[in-house]
Amino acid sequence: MSTAPSPWNELCLYTDGETVQMPDGRCYRAKSSHMIKTVAANPESSRHNTFFKVLQKPNYLINAMCAFEFGLIIIQFWMLVLTNDWQHIVTFVLLMFANYLLFAKLFKDKIILGRIYEPSQEDILLMHQLHQER
């Protein structure tokens, strides 16, 4: 049993799996997340598509930020090893300290986001126990 596609209306929310027909005749299928079952994005908008791809898995973005920050710390450490002027040493040490703090915060956020979006079996059991106690 196939249904006719719904006409596109930018003020309407579409359910997951619903087929939408644009004014020019092209059809798109709505794809939502597992938590929110409606779609409001314009299928022809490249910004909406990019937003969906980047934020579909937030761990990728935070992992890239952690890798960049770690690389920055390594480069600063190597520059510290190569320098012999005291003012450069002090500057690099202060920069590295600031980047260590930022890296620690990013890594903490990475762990928290990982536990939210990809919970382990222990996390699922703990949430189940907390729901039962209510």
C-alpha atoms as a PDB file:
ATOM      1  CA  MET A   1       0.000   0.000   0.000  1.00  0.00           C
ATOM      2  CA  SER A   2       1.767   3.141  -1.194  1.00  0.00           C
ATOM      3  CA  THR A   3       0.537   6.590  -0.403  1.00  0.00           C
ATOM      4  CA  ALA A   4       0.772   9.650  -2.602  1.00  0.00           C
ATOM      5  CA  PRO A   5       3.503  12.089  -1.624  1.00  0.00           C
ATOM      6  CA  SER A   6       2.492  15.086   0.452  1.00  0.00           C
ATOM      7  CA  PRO A   7       2.984  18.478  -1.190  1.00  0.00           C
ATOM      8  CA  TRP A   8       5.827  20.520   0.314  1.00  0.00           C
ATOM      9  CA  ASN A   9       4.794  23.190   2.798  1.00  0.00           C
ATOM     10  CA  GLU A  10       7.516  25.030   4.698  1.00  0.00           C
ATOM     11  CA  LEU A  11       5.205  25.611   7.676  1.00  0.00           C
ATOM     12  CA  CYS A  12       4.477  21.900   8.147  1.00  0.00           C
ATOM     13  CA  LEU A  13       6.282  19.221  10.171  1.00  0.00           C
ATOM     14  CA  TYR A  14       6.672  15.878   8.434  1.00  0.00           C
ATOM     15  CA  THR A  15       6.899  12.501  10.152  1.00  0.00           C
ATOM     16  CA  ASP A  16       9.779  10.083   9.719  1.00  0.00           C
ATOM     17  CA  GLY A  17       9.555   8.194   6.417  1.00  0.00           C
ATOM     18  CA  GLU A  18       6.915  10.460   4.882  1.00  0.00           C
ATOM     19  CA  THR A  19       7.410  11.277   1.193  1.00  0.00           C
ATOM     20  CA  VAL A  20       7.296  14.957   0.254  1.00  0.00           C
ATOM     21  CA  GLN A  21       6.879  16.305  -3.283  1.00  0.00           C
ATOM     22  CA  MET A  22       8.453  19.639  -4.165  1.00  0.00           C
ATOM     23  CA  PRO A  23       6.677  22.094  -6.535  1.00  0.00           C
ATOM     24  CA  ASP A  24       8.977  21.054  -9.407  1.00  0.00           C
ATOM     25  CA  GLY A  25       7.939  17.390  -9.031  1.00  0.00           C
ATOM     26  CA  ARG A  26      10.991  15.984  -7.206  1.00  0.00           C
ATOM     27  CA  CYS A  27      10.242  13.753  -4.214  1.00  0.00           C
ATOM     28  CA  TYR A  28      12.144  13.439  -0.936  1.00  0.00           C
ATOM     29  CA  ARG A  29      11.703  11.089   2.008  1.00  0.00           C
ATOM     30  CA  ALA A  30      11.785  12.664   5.483  1.00  0.00           C
ATOM     31  CA  LYS A  31      14.494  11.257   7.753  1.00  0.00           C
ATOM     32  CA  SER A  32      14.414  12.116  11.446  1.00  0.00           C
ATOM     33  CA  SER A  33      16.496  11.242  14.480  1.00  0.00           C
ATOM     34  CA  HIS A  34      15.547   8.402  16.802  1.00  0.00           C
ATOM     35  CA  MET A  35      14.567  10.860  19.551  1.00  0.00           C
ATOM     36  CA  ILE A  36      12.560  13.413  17.578  1.00  0.00           C
ATOM     37  CA  LYS A  37      10.206  11.863  15.049  1.00  0.00           C
ATOM     38  CA  THR A  38       9.417  14.958  12.967  1.00  0.00           C
ATOM     39  CA  VAL A  39      11.305  16.842  10.261  1.00  0.00           C
ATOM     40  CA  ALA A  40      11.132  20.578   9.538  1.00  0.00           C
ATOM     41  CA  ALA A  41      14.190  20.965   7.257  1.00  0.00           C
ATOM     42  CA  ASN A  42      13.903  22.087   3.666  1.00  0.00           C
ATOM     43  CA  PRO A  43      15.246  19.203   1.513  1.00  0.00           C
ATOM     44  CA  GLU A  44      16.665  21.576  -1.104  1.00  0.00           C
ATOM     45  CA  SER A  45      18.612  23.706   1.386  1.00  0.00           C
ATOM     46  CA  SER A  46      22.317  22.861   1.449  1.00  0.00           C
ATOM     47  CA  ARG A  47      22.643  24.583   4.852  1.00  0.00           C
ATOM     48  CA  HIS A  48      20.001  22.280   6.367  1.00  0.00           C
ATOM     49  CA  ASN A  49      21.733  19.260   4.840  1.00  0.00           C
ATOM     50  CA  THR A  50      25.146  20.343   6.176  1.00  0.00           C
ATOM     51  CA  PHE A  51      23.643  21.034   9.612  1.00  0.00           C
ATOM     52  CA  PHE A  52      22.131  17.535   9.663  1.00  0.00           C
ATOM     53  CA  LYS A  53      25.383  15.847   8.599  1.00  0.00           C
ATOM     54  CA  VAL A  54      27.555  17.703  11.125  1.00  0.00           C
ATOM     55  CA  LEU A  55      25.213  17.332  14.084  1.00  0.00           C
ATOM     56  CA  GLN A  56      23.943  13.835  13.336  1.00  0.00           C
ATOM     57  CA  LYS A  57      26.810  12.505  15.447  1.00  0.00           C
ATOM     58  CA  PRO A  58      28.087  15.264  17.777  1.00  0.00           C
ATOM     59  CA  ASN A  59      31.020  13.100  18.853  1.00  0.00           C
ATOM     60  CA  TYR A  60      32.750  13.624  15.487  1.00  0.00           C
ATOM     61  CA  LEU A  61      32.892  17.378  15.988  1.00  0.00           C
ATOM     62  CA  ILE A  62      34.194  17.188  19.555  1.00  0.00           C
ATOM     63  CA  ASN A  63      36.732  14.499  18.537  1.00  0.00           C
ATOM     64  CA  ALA A  64      38.068  16.787  15.812  1.00  0.00           C
ATOM     65  CA  MET A  65      38.340  19.647  18.299  1.00  0.00           C
ATOM     66  CA  CYS A  66      40.219  17.421  20.768  1.00  0.00           C
ATOM     67  CA  ALA A  67      42.603  16.232  18.035  1.00  0.00           C
ATOM     68  CA  PHE A  68      43.273  19.818  16.947  1.00  0.00           C
ATOM     69  CA  GLU A  69      43.914  20.949  20.514  1.00  0.00           C
ATOM     70  CA  PHE A  70      46.220  17.993  21.176  1.00  0.00           C
ATOM     71  CA  GLY A  71      48.144  18.751  17.971  1.00  0.00           C
ATOM     72  CA  LEU A  72      48.467  22.376  19.032  1.00  0.00           C
ATOM     73  CA  ILE A  73      49.908  21.311  22.393  1.00  0.00           C
ATOM     74  CA  ILE A  74      52.427  19.003  20.669  1.00  0.00           C
ATOM     75  CA  ILE A  75      53.536  21.797  18.309  1.00  0.00           C
ATOM     76  CA  GLN A  76      53.920  24.236  21.205  1.00  0.00           C
ATOM     77  CA  PHE A  77      55.919  21.674  23.167  1.00  0.00           C
ATOM     78  CA  TRP A  78      58.240  21.127  20.199  1.00  0.00           C
ATOM     79  CA  MET A  79      58.691  24.902  19.832  1.00  0.00           C
ATOM     80  CA  LEU A  80      59.455  25.074  23.576  1.00  0.00           C
ATOM     81  CA  VAL A  81      62.152  22.422  23.178  1.00  0.00           C
ATOM     82  CA  LEU A  82      63.767  24.338  20.291  1.00  0.00           C
ATOM     83  CA  THR A  83      63.808  27.789  21.931  1.00  0.00           C
ATOM     84  CA  ASN A  84      66.464  29.179  24.255  1.00  0.00           C
ATOM     85  CA  ASP A  85      65.225  32.738  24.949  1.00  0.00           C
ATOM     86  CA  TRP A  86      63.679  33.086  28.408  1.00  0.00           C
ATOM     87  CA  GLN A  87      60.787  35.268  27.193  1.00  0.00           C
ATOM     88  CA  HIS A  88      59.859  32.655  24.577  1.00  0.00           C
ATOM     89  CA  ILE A  89      60.028  29.906  27.193  1.00  0.00           C
ATOM     90  CA  VAL A  90      57.687  31.812  29.505  1.00  0.00           C
ATOM     91  CA  THR A  91      55.290  32.570  26.639  1.00  0.00           C
ATOM     92  CA  PHE A  92      55.174  28.943  25.477  1.00  0.00           C
ATOM     93  CA  VAL A  93      54.664  27.650  29.004  1.00  0.00           C
ATOM     94  CA  LEU A  94      51.736  30.034  29.541  1.00  0.00           C
ATOM     95  CA  LEU A  95      50.217  29.141  26.166  1.00  0.00           C
ATOM     96  CA  MET A  96      50.619  25.436  26.856  1.00  0.00           C
ATOM     97  CA  PHE A  97      48.989  25.823  30.276  1.00  0.00           C
ATOM     98  CA  ALA A  98      45.986  27.575  28.719  1.00  0.00           C
ATOM     99  CA  ASN A  99      45.735  24.885  26.042  1.00  0.00           C
ATOM    100  CA  TYR A 100      46.024  22.104  28.650  1.00  0.00           C
ATOM    101  CA  LEU A 101      43.026  23.598  30.457  1.00  0.00           C
ATOM    102  CA  LEU A 102      41.044  23.876  27.222  1.00  0.00           C
ATOM    103  CA  PHE A 103      42.011  20.319  26.243  1.00  0.00           C
ATOM    104  CA  ALA A 104      40.889  19.013  29.654  1.00  0.00           C
ATOM    105  CA  LYS A 105      37.516  20.743  29.268  1.00  0.00           C
ATOM    106  CA  LEU A 106      37.072  19.439  25.708  1.00  0.00           C
ATOM    107  CA  PHE A 107      38.009  15.911  26.780  1.00  0.00           C
ATOM    108  CA  LYS A 108      35.500  16.065  29.650  1.00  0.00           C
ATOM    109  CA  ASP A 109      32.821  17.231  27.195  1.00  0.00           C
ATOM    110  CA  LYS A 110      33.814  14.396  24.836  1.00  0.00           C
ATOM    111  CA  ILE A 111      33.302  11.823  27.576  1.00  0.00           C
ATOM    112  CA  ILE A 112      29.942  13.316  28.602  1.00  0.00           C
ATOM    113  CA  LEU A 113      28.674  13.526  25.006  1.00  0.00           C
ATOM    114  CA  GLY A 114      29.846   9.973  24.393  1.00  0.00           C
ATOM    115  CA  ARG A 115      27.888   8.719  27.382  1.00  0.00           C
ATOM    116  CA  ILE A 116      24.785  10.646  26.294  1.00  0.00           C
ATOM    117  CA  TYR A 117      24.716   9.723  22.603  1.00  0.00           C
ATOM    118  CA  GLU A 118      26.320   6.262  22.806  1.00  0.00           C
ATOM    119  CA  PRO A 119      25.531   4.910  26.295  1.00  0.00           C
ATOM    120  CA  SER A 120      27.245   1.737  27.447  1.00  0.00           C
ATOM    121  CA  GLN A 121      25.319  -1.240  28.775  1.00  0.00           C
ATOM    122  CA  GLU A 122      26.090  -0.112  32.355  1.00  0.00           C
ATOM    123  CA  ASP A 123      24.677   3.355  31.635  1.00  0.00           C
ATOM    124  CA  ILE A 124      21.484   1.823  30.237  1.00  0.00           C
ATOM    125  CA  LEU A 125      21.105  -0.403  33.311  1.00  0.00           C
ATOM    126  CA  LEU A 126      21.671   2.581  35.613  1.00  0.00           C
ATOM    127  CA  MET A 127      19.013   4.635  33.784  1.00  0.00           C
ATOM    128  CA  HIS A 128      16.623   1.686  34.003  1.00  0.00           C
ATOM    129  CA  GLN A 129      17.221   1.406  37.772  1.00  0.00           C
ATOM    130  CA  LEU A 130      16.664   5.148  38.233  1.00  0.00           C
ATOM    131  CA  HIS A 131      13.361   4.943  36.343  1.00  0.00           C
ATOM    132  CA  GLN A 132      12.235   2.042  38.507  1.00  0.00           C
ATOM    133  CA  GLU A 133      12.980   3.973  41.723  1.00  0.00           C
ATOM    134  CA  ARG A 134      10.619   6.783  40.707  1.00  0.00           C
END
